[in-house]
Amino acid sequence: QVQLVESGGGSVQPGGSLRLSCTASRRIFSIDVMGWYRQAPGKQRELVASFTVGGRINYADSVKGRFTISRDGAKNTVYLQMNSLKPEDTAVYYCYITGNWGQGTQVTVSS
């Protein structure tokens, strides 16, 4: 069982930025499927950004140009830099690494 610890959520005004971090209890590899999902109240969990097994990066259309996913193998950590945040980005954000989920971190965008 891999433990994933998320941090970096919080409340921010529209147009603001946050960076989420997800640290795994084991080394992460380029073959890992890893990414960030989010779930807003009353909605299904949706993919935000991910690394595929081949290393390609996918983004949801709603976050393209605003969010950036990255990873640091030396720190076993995956990041999600979120810029130009909008109220519709409000959700619980979950980290995913090859079959394992983080506990979720709340992101609230409100004026």
Foldseek 3Di string as FASTA:
>chain_A
DKAKAKDWADEEAAQAKIKMKIAIPDFADLQKKKAKWWDAPPGDIGGAWIQHSVRDIDGDPVQPPFWDWDDDRVRNMIMIIGGRDDQVVFTWMWIDIRVDIYPTDTHGYHD
